[in-house]
Structures are given as structure tokens and as C-alpha cells.
Amino acid sequence: METIKSKFENITEQLNQINPGIQVIAVTKQVGNERTQEAVDAGIIHLGENRPAGLLQKREAIHASVDWHFIGNLQTRKVKDIINEIDFLHSLDRLSLAKEIQKRAEKAVRCFVQVNVSGEESKSGVPAEEAVEFVRSLADFDKIQVIGLMTMAPISEDEGLIRQVFSGLKKLQMEIAEKAWDHAPCTECSMGMSGDYIIAAEEGASYVRIGTALVGTESEVEG
């Protein structure tokens, strides 16, 4: 079976040919501590989890200098549990969440505002047409630093549709960055997962979130 190290090297080489400097987040939600440690040993420095309990458990088990990314929907009542344990939040999508972060964070948190570019009802995120105003409204929250935007593409075989969603996020990111707001440098785009990270890179992603294509799943490991 191909190792995480070889997968990481291949993915990194692919991405650097498209967009040098792009960062790979290993999404470890479907694997245990051993597999996560293997990812760290392979040189991966960004780890992503989508549940507070999973993130806290991995953080306690993995003793390494890595950046922890919370990439899932964050319930307001769970903010107090993890906000001071993470390095990046990829799912800031409502004012009530911003207020709770402001209340609980001990220092400024690097946040991506999640934008629902596709308009799918099943997806979380600020509607694309409201994204600029939402980011502007965060100026009074000194515990929030909007470093970029995040989105998820539809699960679709239509590459054109996926590309349209990613290019839409990149356009919004550049529009906000041009405003040069102190609270929102907004230089980054978090987009692309196992099935579409190449398209995301081509459309300007600076962070891609890769799970199964990089670290696999526990059933795969057991098999």
C-alpha cells in the first residue's frame, strides 16, 4: 500500500507545478491517532478536524509542532471548548459565532469566512452576495482576523460547475483583499478536497483540505 509520505510528496509536487506555496491540510477525521502520527512523520504540518471532540482528542495524542485547523461547522456552544486550541478556523459563517469567539478567545484567531458560493441549501456559509458586507461587519471584533475565504464545491461530475464555484470564491477573496481592511487582509482561499483539489489549485487555492486521497480511512488501513 502506498505510504502517506509518498502520497504527500506526489500531491505536493502536483500542486507546486500549478501554484507554488500552496498548503496541504491533512483531514484526519476518518483515521485514528496512529495514522495521524504517520502523517506528521511524513512532514505534514497542517492537520484538519471537523468535530471538536475529535480535534481535542488528536491534539492531546499528537505531540508535534503542527497547525490545527477546525474545518467543520462550529456550534456556538462548542466555541469555548476549542477556540484556544486551534490555529485556524475555516467555518466562520454567522455573527452569533463571531460574538462567541470574541467572548471566548484569548488571542486573535485566524479565520476563514465560509461562503456558500454554489447556493446549495444543504451547505453552510454566508451567501456569496452577502460575503463582502459580512466581512466588513467583523471590523469591531479584535479577536477575529479574517485571513481568507473558504468554500466547498458541489459533489458533481461537472468540472465546469466546480471550477465556477472555486473561481467565484477567488474573485470574492480578491475583492475583499483590495479593500485593505486591517481586520481582514483576506489573502487566502481554502478550497478543494480529495476529489477536486487540482481544480481548486488551478483556480487559486492557497489551502487545500485533503482526507481520503492522502491519509485514507481506518477501514482501508485495517483491510
Protein backbone atom coordinates (compact mmCIF):
# COMPACT_ATOMS: atom_id res chain seq x y z
CA MET A 1 0.00 0.00 0.00
CA GLU A 2 1.28 3.46 -0.89
CA THR A 3 2.52 5.33 2.18
CA ILE A 4 1.25 8.68 3.35
CA LYS A 5 4.73 10.06 2.77
CA SER A 6 4.76 9.06 -0.90
CA LYS A 7 1.20 10.31 -1.38
CA PHE A 8 2.10 13.63 0.24
CA GLU A 9 5.18 14.01 -1.94
CA ASN A 10 3.20 13.26 -5.10
CA ILE A 11 0.36 15.62 -4.18
CA THR A 12 2.78 18.39 -3.19
CA GLU A 13 4.68 18.02 -6.45
CA GLN A 14 1.43 18.19 -8.43
CA LEU A 15 0.25 21.28 -6.59
CA ASN A 16 3.56 23.13 -6.74
CA GLN A 17 3.58 22.81 -10.50
CA ILE A 18 0.26 24.64 -10.55
CA ASN A 19 0.52 27.04 -7.64
CA PRO A 20 3.85 27.13 -5.74
CA GLY A 21 3.45 27.59 -2.00
CA ILE A 22 0.01 26.05 -1.72
CA GLN A 23 -0.55 24.42 1.70
CA VAL A 24 -1.94 20.91 2.18
CA ILE A 25 -4.17 20.27 5.20
CA ALA A 26 -4.42 16.56 6.04
CA VAL A 27 -8.01 15.95 7.12
CA THR A 28 -7.72 13.22 9.73
CA LYS A 29 -11.34 12.89 10.83
CA GLN A 30 -11.63 9.33 9.45
CA VAL A 31 -8.39 7.95 10.85
CA GLY A 32 -7.02 7.33 14.31
CA ASN A 33 -4.03 8.62 16.20
CA GLU A 34 -1.53 6.19 14.68
CA ARG A 35 -2.39 7.16 11.12
CA THR A 36 -2.39 10.84 12.08
CA GLN A 37 1.06 10.48 13.63
CA GLU A 38 2.21 8.83 10.39
CA ALA A 39 1.02 11.94 8.54
CA VAL A 40 3.02 14.17 10.87
CA ASP A 41 6.08 11.93 10.48
CA ALA A 42 5.69 12.30 6.70
CA GLY A 43 6.27 16.03 7.06
CA ILE A 44 2.67 17.27 7.11
CA ILE A 45 2.36 20.34 9.33
CA HIS A 46 -1.35 21.16 8.87
CA LEU A 47 -3.98 18.87 10.40
CA GLY A 48 -7.73 19.36 10.00
CA GLU A 49 -10.63 18.04 12.07
CA ASN A 50 -14.36 18.74 11.75
CA ARG A 51 -15.57 17.79 15.26
CA PRO A 52 -14.49 19.45 18.50
CA ALA A 53 -14.13 16.14 20.34
CA GLY A 54 -12.04 14.67 17.54
CA LEU A 55 -9.76 17.68 17.42
CA LEU A 56 -9.18 17.76 21.16
CA GLN A 57 -8.50 14.03 21.31
CA LYS A 58 -5.98 14.19 18.46
CA ARG A 59 -4.35 17.31 19.84
CA GLU A 60 -3.71 15.54 23.12
CA ALA A 61 -2.33 12.45 21.40
CA ILE A 62 -0.13 14.08 18.75
CA HIS A 63 2.96 15.64 20.24
CA ALA A 64 4.39 17.68 17.40
CA SER A 65 4.64 21.22 16.19
CA VAL A 66 1.69 21.32 13.81
CA ASP A 67 -1.07 23.79 12.98
CA TRP A 68 -4.56 22.65 13.93
CA HIS A 69 -7.39 23.61 11.58
CA PHE A 70 -11.04 23.32 12.57
CA ILE A 71 -12.83 22.78 9.28
CA GLY A 72 -16.35 21.76 10.29
CA ASN A 73 -19.47 23.64 11.25
CA LEU A 74 -18.84 25.05 14.72
CA GLN A 75 -21.79 25.22 17.10
CA THR A 76 -21.76 28.37 19.21
CA ARG A 77 -21.93 26.34 22.43
CA LYS A 78 -18.75 24.47 21.45
CA VAL A 79 -16.63 27.57 20.87
CA LYS A 80 -15.37 27.63 24.45
CA ASP A 81 -14.05 24.08 24.11
CA ILE A 82 -11.78 24.57 21.13
CA ILE A 83 -11.21 28.20 20.20
CA ASN A 84 -7.99 28.44 22.19
CA GLU A 85 -6.80 25.03 20.98
CA ILE A 86 -6.76 25.76 17.25
CA ASP A 87 -4.59 27.78 14.90
CA PHE A 88 -7.15 28.30 12.11
CA LEU A 89 -10.94 28.27 11.86
CA HIS A 90 -12.34 27.58 8.38
CA SER A 91 -16.05 27.98 9.09
CA LEU A 92 -16.90 31.45 10.34
CA ASP A 93 -20.34 31.97 8.82
CA ARG A 94 -22.56 33.98 11.17
CA LEU A 95 -22.47 36.92 13.54
CA SER A 96 -23.53 34.86 16.57
CA LEU A 97 -20.41 32.71 16.10
CA ALA A 98 -18.22 35.80 15.78
CA LYS A 99 -19.65 37.18 19.02
CA GLU A 100 -18.92 33.95 20.88
CA ILE A 101 -15.35 33.85 19.53
CA GLN A 102 -14.88 37.44 20.66
CA LYS A 103 -16.09 36.43 24.12
CA ARG A 104 -14.03 33.26 24.49
CA ALA A 105 -10.78 33.72 22.54
CA GLU A 106 -7.64 34.64 24.46
CA LYS A 107 -5.94 35.98 21.35
CA ALA A 108 -6.86 36.83 17.76
CA VAL A 109 -7.96 33.76 15.80
CA ARG A 110 -7.05 33.34 12.14
CA CYS A 111 -10.39 32.77 10.45
CA PHE A 112 -11.69 31.90 7.02
CA VAL A 113 -15.20 33.15 6.34
CA GLN A 114 -17.18 30.28 4.86
CA VAL A 115 -19.05 31.31 1.73
CA ASN A 116 -21.82 29.28 0.08
CA VAL A 117 -20.80 30.11 -3.48
CA SER A 118 -22.87 27.31 -5.04
CA GLY A 119 -26.07 28.42 -3.32
CA GLU A 120 -26.94 24.86 -2.28
CA GLU A 121 -29.40 24.75 0.60
CA SER A 122 -27.55 21.80 2.10
CA LYS A 123 -24.36 23.81 2.53
CA SER A 124 -23.43 26.18 5.32
CA GLY A 125 -21.89 29.56 4.65
CA VAL A 126 -22.61 33.19 4.01
CA PRO A 127 -24.39 33.72 0.67
CA ALA A 128 -21.89 34.98 -1.91
CA GLU A 129 -23.77 38.25 -2.41
CA GLU A 130 -23.54 38.98 1.34
CA ALA A 131 -19.89 37.99 1.87
CA VAL A 132 -18.27 41.39 1.46
CA GLU A 133 -20.70 43.07 3.86
CA PHE A 134 -20.34 40.23 6.37
CA VAL A 135 -16.55 40.57 6.39
CA ARG A 136 -16.87 44.35 6.75
CA SER A 137 -19.15 43.85 9.76
CA LEU A 138 -16.42 41.98 11.63
CA ALA A 139 -14.22 45.08 12.00
CA ASP A 140 -15.13 45.57 15.66
CA PHE A 141 -14.12 42.04 16.68
CA ASP A 142 -10.47 42.27 17.66
CA LYS A 143 -10.28 38.53 18.38
CA ILE A 144 -11.03 37.73 14.73
CA GLN A 145 -8.53 38.10 11.89
CA VAL A 146 -10.13 37.27 8.54
CA ILE A 147 -7.21 35.79 6.63
CA GLY A 148 -9.32 34.45 3.78
CA LEU A 149 -12.44 32.75 2.48
CA MET A 150 -13.47 29.09 2.36
CA THR A 151 -15.97 27.18 0.25
CA MET A 152 -16.95 23.67 -0.77
CA ALA A 153 -17.85 22.76 -4.33
CA PRO A 154 -20.89 20.65 -5.19
CA ILE A 155 -20.40 16.89 -5.41
CA SER A 156 -20.66 16.73 -9.16
CA GLU A 157 -19.08 15.24 -12.27
CA ASP A 158 -19.45 18.64 -13.91
CA GLU A 159 -15.93 20.07 -13.81
CA GLY A 160 -17.18 23.36 -15.24
CA LEU A 161 -19.57 23.81 -12.31
CA ILE A 162 -16.85 23.01 -9.77
CA ARG A 163 -14.47 25.42 -11.47
CA GLN A 164 -17.14 28.14 -11.46
CA VAL A 165 -17.60 27.80 -7.68
CA PHE A 166 -13.88 27.99 -6.99
CA SER A 167 -13.29 30.91 -9.35
CA GLY A 168 -16.23 32.68 -7.70
CA LEU A 169 -14.59 32.37 -4.29
CA LYS A 170 -11.26 33.60 -5.65
CA LYS A 171 -12.96 36.63 -7.16
CA LEU A 172 -14.61 37.47 -3.82
CA GLN A 173 -11.34 36.99 -1.95
CA MET A 174 -9.53 39.41 -4.26
CA GLU A 175 -12.35 41.94 -4.00
CA ILE A 176 -12.11 41.94 -0.20
CA ALA A 177 -8.31 41.97 -0.19
CA GLU A 178 -8.31 45.08 -2.36
CA LYS A 179 -10.19 46.94 0.37
CA ALA A 180 -7.10 46.59 2.61
CA TRP A 181 -9.14 46.32 5.80
CA ASP A 182 -6.90 45.91 8.85
CA HIS A 183 -9.13 43.21 10.33
CA ALA A 184 -9.43 41.31 7.05
CA PRO A 185 -6.29 41.04 4.93
CA CYS A 186 -8.15 38.18 3.19
CA THR A 187 -5.20 36.93 1.19
CA GLU A 188 -6.07 33.21 1.31
CA CYS A 189 -8.53 30.78 -0.28
CA SER A 190 -9.35 27.49 1.43
CA MET A 191 -10.97 25.27 -1.17
CA GLY A 192 -10.59 21.86 -2.71
CA MET A 193 -10.84 18.37 -1.20
CA SER A 194 -9.80 14.86 -2.23
CA GLY A 195 -11.85 14.81 -5.43
CA ASP A 196 -11.28 18.34 -6.69
CA TYR A 197 -8.08 19.77 -5.20
CA ILE A 198 -6.35 20.03 -8.57
CA ILE A 199 -9.17 22.20 -9.94
CA ALA A 200 -9.07 24.27 -6.74
CA ALA A 201 -5.34 24.83 -7.15
CA GLU A 202 -5.83 25.89 -10.75
CA GLU A 203 -8.42 28.43 -9.60
CA GLY A 204 -6.20 29.98 -6.93
CA ALA A 205 -6.49 27.93 -3.74
CA SER A 206 -3.80 28.59 -1.15
CA TYR A 207 -5.00 25.84 1.22
CA VAL A 208 -6.50 22.51 0.14
CA ARG A 209 -8.16 20.10 2.58
CA ILE A 210 -7.35 16.50 1.64
CA GLY A 211 -8.60 13.49 3.60
CA THR A 212 -9.06 10.10 1.94
CA ALA A 213 -6.74 10.81 -1.01
CA LEU A 214 -3.90 11.48 1.44
CA VAL A 215 -4.42 9.64 4.75
CA GLY A 216 -7.06 7.12 3.65
CA THR A 217 -9.62 5.73 6.09
CA GLU A 218 -9.42 3.35 9.03
CA SER A 219 -11.23 0.62 7.06
CA GLU A 220 -8.58 0.96 4.36
CA VAL A 221 -5.82 0.66 6.96
CA GLU A 222 -7.45 -2.40 8.56
CA GLY A 223 -8.04 -4.02 5.18
